[in-house]
Amino acid sequence: MTWQKTMGSIAVDSISKPKAEVFYWTTIMFSQTLGTALGDWVADSTGMGYTTSAIIFGSLLALIALAHFYTKISKTLLFWSAFVLTRPLGAVLGDFLDKPIDHGGLALSRFGASAALLVFIIVCLLVFKQRASAKAY
C-alpha cells in the first residue's frame, strides 16, 4: 500500500527507479521470510503434512490462474498474490523432498532434492514450450 501510494504503481514492469527497487526488494524479503514460515506452519504446526499443504497452496495458485484468465480482477493483484503463494508452496515441497520418511518426506539428500527439481524444470521447459509473443518489449 505504501509502495503504491509513493510510486503510483506496484506493477512489476514499472520498477525502473531506485526507490521502486527498494520497495520491490523489501517485498521480496518479507514474502520469502513470511511465506516460508507460513508453509512450515501449515505443514508442521497444524499437522497437515507436506503433501496436504502442497495441495492447499497449489490449489490456491490454480485459482489465481483461473482468475487471471476468466475474471477482470487486477492482473497486478493476481501477480502479487501468486508471487506470495509460491513461497509457502516451495517451502513445503522442499521439505517434502528432503525430510525423513518418518516425518512425511522422501528423505532425498539436498543434492538429490536439487537434482529432482532440476529434472522437473527441464521437463517443464521441454513440455511447455514458450510461444513467441506478438507484443515486443
N, C-alpha and C. Protein backbone atom coordinates (compact mmCIF):
# COMPACT_ATOMS: atom_id res chain seq x y z
N MET A 1 0.83 -1.18 0.00
CA MET A 1 0.00 0.00 0.00
C MET A 1 0.87 1.25 0.00
N THR A 2 1.89 1.26 0.84
CA THR A 2 2.80 2.39 0.86
C THR A 2 3.52 2.51 -0.47
N TRP A 3 3.91 1.36 -1.03
CA TRP A 3 4.59 1.34 -2.32
C TRP A 3 3.73 2.01 -3.38
N GLN A 4 2.45 1.61 -3.45
CA GLN A 4 1.57 2.16 -4.47
C GLN A 4 1.32 3.65 -4.27
N LYS A 5 1.14 4.07 -3.01
CA LYS A 5 0.91 5.50 -2.75
C LYS A 5 2.15 6.33 -3.07
N THR A 6 3.32 5.77 -2.79
CA THR A 6 4.56 6.51 -3.03
C THR A 6 4.93 6.56 -4.51
N MET A 7 4.82 5.42 -5.18
CA MET A 7 5.30 5.31 -6.56
C MET A 7 4.19 5.42 -7.61
N GLY A 8 2.94 5.24 -7.20
CA GLY A 8 1.83 5.32 -8.14
C GLY A 8 1.46 3.99 -8.77
N SER A 9 2.31 2.99 -8.63
CA SER A 9 2.03 1.67 -9.21
C SER A 9 2.84 0.62 -8.49
N ILE A 10 2.27 -0.58 -8.43
CA ILE A 10 3.02 -1.72 -7.90
C ILE A 10 3.21 -2.77 -8.98
N ALA A 11 2.95 -2.39 -10.23
CA ALA A 11 3.15 -3.30 -11.35
C ALA A 11 4.65 -3.55 -11.52
N VAL A 12 5.00 -4.80 -11.75
CA VAL A 12 6.40 -5.19 -11.85
C VAL A 12 7.09 -4.45 -13.00
N ASP A 13 6.39 -4.25 -14.11
CA ASP A 13 7.03 -3.59 -15.24
C ASP A 13 7.25 -2.09 -15.02
N SER A 14 6.78 -1.57 -13.89
CA SER A 14 7.01 -0.15 -13.60
C SER A 14 8.21 0.06 -12.67
N ILE A 15 8.92 -1.00 -12.35
CA ILE A 15 10.08 -0.89 -11.46
C ILE A 15 11.28 -0.46 -12.29
N SER A 16 11.51 0.85 -12.29
CA SER A 16 12.61 1.37 -13.10
C SER A 16 13.45 2.41 -12.36
N LYS A 17 13.05 2.71 -11.14
CA LYS A 17 13.78 3.71 -10.35
C LYS A 17 14.29 3.06 -9.07
N PRO A 18 15.38 3.58 -8.53
CA PRO A 18 15.94 3.00 -7.30
C PRO A 18 14.92 2.91 -6.15
N LYS A 19 14.07 3.90 -6.01
CA LYS A 19 13.08 3.87 -4.94
C LYS A 19 12.11 2.70 -5.12
N ALA A 20 11.69 2.46 -6.37
CA ALA A 20 10.80 1.33 -6.66
C ALA A 20 11.53 0.01 -6.40
N GLU A 21 12.82 -0.04 -6.70
CA GLU A 21 13.59 -1.25 -6.44
C GLU A 21 13.69 -1.55 -4.96
N VAL A 22 13.81 -0.51 -4.13
CA VAL A 22 13.83 -0.72 -2.67
C VAL A 22 12.51 -1.34 -2.22
N PHE A 23 11.39 -0.82 -2.71
CA PHE A 23 10.09 -1.41 -2.37
C PHE A 23 10.01 -2.85 -2.84
N TYR A 24 10.48 -3.10 -4.06
CA TYR A 24 10.44 -4.45 -4.63
C TYR A 24 11.24 -5.42 -3.77
N TRP A 25 12.49 -5.08 -3.47
CA TRP A 25 13.34 -6.00 -2.71
C TRP A 25 12.87 -6.16 -1.27
N THR A 26 12.26 -5.14 -0.71
CA THR A 26 11.67 -5.26 0.63
C THR A 26 10.50 -6.24 0.58
N THR A 27 9.70 -6.14 -0.48
CA THR A 27 8.58 -7.08 -0.66
C THR A 27 9.10 -8.50 -0.82
N ILE A 28 10.16 -8.66 -1.60
CA ILE A 28 10.77 -9.99 -1.79
C ILE A 28 11.20 -10.56 -0.44
N MET A 29 11.90 -9.75 0.35
CA MET A 29 12.41 -10.21 1.64
C MET A 29 11.27 -10.66 2.56
N PHE A 30 10.22 -9.85 2.66
CA PHE A 30 9.12 -10.22 3.53
C PHE A 30 8.34 -11.42 3.00
N SER A 31 8.12 -11.48 1.68
CA SER A 31 7.37 -12.61 1.15
C SER A 31 8.15 -13.90 1.30
N GLN A 32 9.46 -13.85 1.11
CA GLN A 32 10.29 -15.05 1.29
C GLN A 32 10.22 -15.54 2.73
N THR A 33 10.45 -14.63 3.65
CA THR A 33 10.50 -14.99 5.06
C THR A 33 9.14 -15.44 5.58
N LEU A 34 8.14 -14.61 5.35
CA LEU A 34 6.80 -14.93 5.86
C LEU A 34 6.17 -16.09 5.10
N GLY A 35 6.42 -16.19 3.80
CA GLY A 35 5.87 -17.29 3.01
C GLY A 35 6.44 -18.63 3.44
N THR A 36 7.74 -18.66 3.68
CA THR A 36 8.37 -19.90 4.15
C THR A 36 7.83 -20.27 5.53
N ALA A 37 7.71 -19.28 6.39
CA ALA A 37 7.16 -19.53 7.73
C ALA A 37 5.72 -20.04 7.64
N LEU A 38 4.93 -19.47 6.74
CA LEU A 38 3.55 -19.93 6.57
C LEU A 38 3.52 -21.37 6.09
N GLY A 39 4.35 -21.71 5.12
CA GLY A 39 4.40 -23.09 4.63
C GLY A 39 4.78 -24.06 5.74
N ASP A 40 5.81 -23.71 6.51
CA ASP A 40 6.23 -24.56 7.62
C ASP A 40 5.13 -24.67 8.68
N TRP A 41 4.47 -23.57 8.96
CA TRP A 41 3.41 -23.58 9.97
C TRP A 41 2.26 -24.48 9.54
N VAL A 42 1.81 -24.33 8.28
CA VAL A 42 0.69 -25.14 7.80
C VAL A 42 1.07 -26.62 7.79
N ALA A 43 2.26 -26.93 7.33
CA ALA A 43 2.67 -28.34 7.23
C ALA A 43 2.96 -28.95 8.59
N ASP A 44 3.68 -28.22 9.44
CA ASP A 44 4.14 -28.80 10.70
C ASP A 44 3.22 -28.51 11.89
N SER A 45 2.94 -27.26 12.12
CA SER A 45 2.20 -26.89 13.33
C SER A 45 0.74 -27.30 13.29
N THR A 46 0.13 -27.29 12.11
CA THR A 46 -1.28 -27.69 12.03
C THR A 46 -1.41 -29.20 11.86
N GLY A 47 -0.29 -29.87 11.56
CA GLY A 47 -0.31 -31.31 11.39
C GLY A 47 -0.83 -31.77 10.04
N MET A 48 -0.95 -30.87 9.08
CA MET A 48 -1.48 -31.25 7.77
C MET A 48 -0.46 -32.04 6.94
N GLY A 49 0.80 -31.86 7.22
CA GLY A 49 1.83 -32.56 6.46
C GLY A 49 2.17 -31.85 5.17
N TYR A 50 3.21 -32.37 4.51
CA TYR A 50 3.74 -31.70 3.33
C TYR A 50 2.84 -31.84 2.11
N THR A 51 2.30 -33.03 1.88
CA THR A 51 1.51 -33.22 0.66
C THR A 51 0.18 -32.46 0.74
N THR A 52 -0.49 -32.51 1.88
CA THR A 52 -1.75 -31.76 2.01
C THR A 52 -1.50 -30.27 1.90
N SER A 53 -0.42 -29.80 2.51
CA SER A 53 -0.08 -28.38 2.42
C SER A 53 0.23 -27.98 0.98
N ALA A 54 0.96 -28.83 0.27
CA ALA A 54 1.28 -28.55 -1.14
C ALA A 54 0.00 -28.50 -1.96
N ILE A 55 -0.94 -29.38 -1.68
CA ILE A 55 -2.22 -29.37 -2.39
C ILE A 55 -2.98 -28.08 -2.11
N ILE A 56 -2.96 -27.64 -0.86
CA ILE A 56 -3.65 -26.40 -0.50
C ILE A 56 -3.06 -25.21 -1.25
N PHE A 57 -1.73 -25.04 -1.15
CA PHE A 57 -1.10 -23.89 -1.80
C PHE A 57 -1.14 -24.01 -3.32
N GLY A 58 -1.00 -25.22 -3.86
CA GLY A 58 -1.11 -25.42 -5.30
C GLY A 58 -2.51 -25.10 -5.80
N SER A 59 -3.52 -25.49 -5.03
CA SER A 59 -4.91 -25.20 -5.41
C SER A 59 -5.18 -23.70 -5.39
N LEU A 60 -4.65 -23.01 -4.39
CA LEU A 60 -4.81 -21.55 -4.34
C LEU A 60 -4.15 -20.90 -5.56
N LEU A 61 -2.98 -21.39 -5.94
CA LEU A 61 -2.32 -20.86 -7.14
C LEU A 61 -3.14 -21.16 -8.39
N ALA A 62 -3.72 -22.34 -8.45
CA ALA A 62 -4.57 -22.68 -9.60
C ALA A 62 -5.79 -21.76 -9.68
N LEU A 63 -6.37 -21.44 -8.53
CA LEU A 63 -7.50 -20.50 -8.51
C LEU A 63 -7.08 -19.12 -9.00
N ILE A 64 -5.88 -18.71 -8.64
CA ILE A 64 -5.38 -17.41 -9.12
C ILE A 64 -5.19 -17.46 -10.63
N ALA A 65 -4.67 -18.57 -11.15
CA ALA A 65 -4.50 -18.71 -12.60
C ALA A 65 -5.86 -18.65 -13.30
N LEU A 66 -6.84 -19.32 -12.76
CA LEU A 66 -8.19 -19.26 -13.34
C LEU A 66 -8.74 -17.84 -13.29
N ALA A 67 -8.52 -17.15 -12.17
CA ALA A 67 -8.98 -15.76 -12.06
C ALA A 67 -8.29 -14.88 -13.11
N HIS A 68 -7.04 -15.17 -13.39
CA HIS A 68 -6.31 -14.39 -14.40
C HIS A 68 -6.97 -14.52 -15.77
N PHE A 69 -7.36 -15.73 -16.13
CA PHE A 69 -7.92 -15.97 -17.45
C PHE A 69 -9.41 -15.68 -17.56
N TYR A 70 -10.16 -15.82 -16.46
CA TYR A 70 -11.61 -15.76 -16.55
C TYR A 70 -12.28 -14.65 -15.77
N THR A 71 -11.51 -13.75 -15.17
CA THR A 71 -12.11 -12.62 -14.46
C THR A 71 -11.42 -11.32 -14.86
N LYS A 72 -11.96 -10.24 -14.38
CA LYS A 72 -11.36 -8.93 -14.64
C LYS A 72 -10.62 -8.41 -13.39
N ILE A 73 -10.29 -9.32 -12.48
CA ILE A 73 -9.52 -8.94 -11.29
C ILE A 73 -8.18 -8.39 -11.75
N SER A 74 -7.71 -7.38 -11.08
CA SER A 74 -6.44 -6.72 -11.42
C SER A 74 -5.32 -7.75 -11.61
N LYS A 75 -4.68 -7.68 -12.77
CA LYS A 75 -3.57 -8.59 -13.05
C LYS A 75 -2.41 -8.35 -12.09
N THR A 76 -2.25 -7.11 -11.66
CA THR A 76 -1.19 -6.80 -10.69
C THR A 76 -1.49 -7.48 -9.35
N LEU A 77 -2.74 -7.41 -8.89
CA LEU A 77 -3.13 -8.07 -7.64
C LEU A 77 -2.95 -9.58 -7.76
N LEU A 78 -3.34 -10.14 -8.89
CA LEU A 78 -3.20 -11.58 -9.09
C LEU A 78 -1.72 -11.98 -9.14
N PHE A 79 -0.89 -11.17 -9.79
CA PHE A 79 0.54 -11.46 -9.84
C PHE A 79 1.12 -11.52 -8.43
N TRP A 80 0.87 -10.49 -7.63
CA TRP A 80 1.47 -10.45 -6.29
C TRP A 80 0.89 -11.55 -5.40
N SER A 81 -0.37 -11.88 -5.59
CA SER A 81 -0.96 -12.98 -4.82
C SER A 81 -0.26 -14.30 -5.16
N ALA A 82 -0.07 -14.54 -6.44
CA ALA A 82 0.63 -15.76 -6.87
C ALA A 82 2.08 -15.73 -6.40
N PHE A 83 2.69 -14.58 -6.49
CA PHE A 83 4.08 -14.43 -6.08
C PHE A 83 4.24 -14.83 -4.61
N VAL A 84 3.36 -14.34 -3.76
CA VAL A 84 3.43 -14.65 -2.33
C VAL A 84 3.16 -16.13 -2.07
N LEU A 85 2.20 -16.71 -2.78
CA LEU A 85 1.84 -18.12 -2.54
C LEU A 85 2.89 -19.11 -3.04
N THR A 86 3.77 -18.69 -3.94
CA THR A 86 4.82 -19.61 -4.37
C THR A 86 5.81 -19.89 -3.25
N ARG A 87 5.93 -18.99 -2.29
CA ARG A 87 6.88 -19.18 -1.19
C ARG A 87 6.47 -20.32 -0.26
N PRO A 88 5.26 -20.33 0.28
CA PRO A 88 4.89 -21.47 1.12
C PRO A 88 4.83 -22.78 0.34
N LEU A 89 4.43 -22.71 -0.94
CA LEU A 89 4.42 -23.94 -1.75
C LEU A 89 5.84 -24.47 -1.90
N GLY A 90 6.79 -23.59 -2.19
CA GLY A 90 8.18 -24.01 -2.31
C GLY A 90 8.73 -24.58 -1.02
N ALA A 91 8.34 -23.99 0.10
CA ALA A 91 8.81 -24.47 1.40
C ALA A 91 8.32 -25.89 1.68
N VAL A 92 7.04 -26.14 1.45
CA VAL A 92 6.52 -27.47 1.76
C VAL A 92 7.01 -28.51 0.77
N LEU A 93 7.18 -28.12 -0.50
CA LEU A 93 7.72 -29.08 -1.46
C LEU A 93 9.18 -29.39 -1.17
N GLY A 94 9.95 -28.37 -0.79
CA GLY A 94 11.34 -28.60 -0.41
C GLY A 94 11.44 -29.51 0.80
N ASP A 95 10.60 -29.26 1.80
CA ASP A 95 10.58 -30.11 2.99
C ASP A 95 10.17 -31.54 2.63
N PHE A 96 9.18 -31.67 1.76
CA PHE A 96 8.72 -32.99 1.34
C PHE A 96 9.86 -33.79 0.71
N LEU A 97 10.67 -33.13 -0.09
CA LEU A 97 11.75 -33.83 -0.77
C LEU A 97 12.87 -34.27 0.17
N ASP A 98 13.19 -33.44 1.18
CA ASP A 98 14.39 -33.76 1.96
C ASP A 98 14.17 -34.16 3.42
N LYS A 99 12.96 -34.11 3.91
CA LYS A 99 12.72 -34.54 5.29
C LYS A 99 12.68 -36.07 5.37
N PRO A 100 12.97 -36.61 6.54
CA PRO A 100 12.96 -38.07 6.70
C PRO A 100 11.58 -38.68 6.40
N ILE A 101 11.59 -39.92 5.99
CA ILE A 101 10.35 -40.62 5.65
C ILE A 101 9.41 -40.67 6.85
N ASP A 102 9.96 -40.88 8.06
CA ASP A 102 9.09 -40.95 9.24
C ASP A 102 8.49 -39.59 9.61
N HIS A 103 8.92 -38.52 8.94
CA HIS A 103 8.33 -37.20 9.13
C HIS A 103 7.48 -36.79 7.92
N GLY A 104 7.23 -37.73 7.02
CA GLY A 104 6.37 -37.47 5.87
C GLY A 104 7.10 -37.03 4.62
N GLY A 105 8.43 -37.08 4.64
CA GLY A 105 9.20 -36.67 3.47
C GLY A 105 9.69 -37.85 2.66
N LEU A 106 10.49 -37.55 1.64
CA LEU A 106 11.06 -38.58 0.78
C LEU A 106 12.50 -38.92 1.15
N ALA A 107 13.07 -38.18 2.07
CA ALA A 107 14.43 -38.41 2.57
C ALA A 107 15.49 -38.32 1.48
N LEU A 108 15.27 -37.47 0.48
CA LEU A 108 16.32 -37.23 -0.51
C LEU A 108 17.36 -36.32 0.14
N SER A 109 18.59 -36.48 -0.27
CA SER A 109 19.63 -35.56 0.21
C SER A 109 19.37 -34.19 -0.42
N ARG A 110 20.07 -33.17 0.06
CA ARG A 110 19.94 -31.85 -0.58
C ARG A 110 20.31 -31.94 -2.05
N PHE A 111 21.36 -32.71 -2.35
CA PHE A 111 21.77 -32.91 -3.73
C PHE A 111 20.67 -33.62 -4.51
N GLY A 112 20.10 -34.67 -3.94
CA GLY A 112 19.04 -35.41 -4.60
C GLY A 112 17.80 -34.57 -4.83
N ALA A 113 17.44 -33.76 -3.84
CA ALA A 113 16.28 -32.88 -3.98
C ALA A 113 16.54 -31.84 -5.07
N SER A 114 17.75 -31.29 -5.09
CA SER A 114 18.10 -30.30 -6.11
C SER A 114 18.08 -30.93 -7.50
N ALA A 115 18.59 -32.14 -7.60
CA ALA A 115 18.60 -32.84 -8.88
C ALA A 115 17.17 -33.12 -9.34
N ALA A 116 16.29 -33.53 -8.43
CA ALA A 116 14.90 -33.80 -8.78
C ALA A 116 14.22 -32.52 -9.28
N LEU A 117 14.48 -31.41 -8.62
CA LEU A 117 13.90 -30.13 -9.06
C LEU A 117 14.45 -29.71 -10.42
N LEU A 118 15.73 -29.92 -10.64
CA LEU A 118 16.33 -29.58 -11.93
C LEU A 118 15.70 -30.41 -13.06
N VAL A 119 15.52 -31.69 -12.83
CA VAL A 119 14.88 -32.55 -13.84
C VAL A 119 13.45 -32.07 -14.09
N PHE A 120 12.73 -31.73 -13.04
CA PHE A 120 11.36 -31.23 -13.18
C PHE A 120 11.33 -29.96 -14.03
N ILE A 121 12.24 -29.03 -13.76
CA ILE A 121 12.29 -27.78 -14.52
C ILE A 121 12.60 -28.05 -15.99
N ILE A 122 13.55 -28.92 -16.25
CA ILE A 122 13.91 -29.24 -17.64
C ILE A 122 12.73 -29.88 -18.36
N VAL A 123 12.05 -30.81 -17.71
CA VAL A 123 10.87 -31.43 -18.32
C VAL A 123 9.80 -30.39 -18.62
N CYS A 124 9.56 -29.49 -17.69
CA CYS A 124 8.57 -28.42 -17.91
C CYS A 124 8.96 -27.55 -19.10
N LEU A 125 10.24 -27.22 -19.21
CA LEU A 125 10.70 -26.40 -20.34
C LEU A 125 10.52 -27.13 -21.67
N LEU A 126 10.71 -28.42 -21.67
CA LEU A 126 10.56 -29.19 -22.90
C LEU A 126 9.09 -29.41 -23.25
N VAL A 127 8.27 -29.66 -22.25
CA VAL A 127 6.85 -29.93 -22.49
C VAL A 127 6.07 -28.65 -22.78
N PHE A 128 6.33 -27.61 -22.02
CA PHE A 128 5.59 -26.35 -22.14
C PHE A 128 6.46 -25.33 -22.88
N LYS A 129 6.64 -25.55 -24.16
CA LYS A 129 7.49 -24.65 -24.95
C LYS A 129 6.86 -23.26 -25.01
N GLN A 130 7.72 -22.27 -24.92
CA GLN A 130 7.26 -20.88 -24.99
C GLN A 130 6.94 -20.53 -26.42
N ARG A 131 5.85 -19.81 -26.58
CA ARG A 131 5.47 -19.33 -27.91
C ARG A 131 5.96 -17.90 -28.04
N ALA A 132 6.33 -17.53 -29.24
CA ALA A 132 6.76 -16.15 -29.49
C ALA A 132 5.57 -15.23 -29.30
N SER A 133 5.80 -14.14 -28.61
CA SER A 133 4.74 -13.17 -28.36
C SER A 133 4.68 -12.18 -29.50
N ALA A 134 3.47 -11.79 -29.87
CA ALA A 134 3.28 -10.79 -30.92
C ALA A 134 3.67 -9.41 -30.41
N LYS A 135 3.66 -9.24 -29.10
CA LYS A 135 3.98 -7.95 -28.49
C LYS A 135 5.48 -7.93 -28.18
N ALA A 136 6.16 -6.99 -28.75
CA ALA A 136 7.61 -6.84 -28.49
C ALA A 136 7.81 -5.93 -27.30
N TYR A 137 8.79 -6.28 -26.48
CA TYR A 137 9.07 -5.45 -25.29
C TYR A 137 10.27 -4.60 -25.51
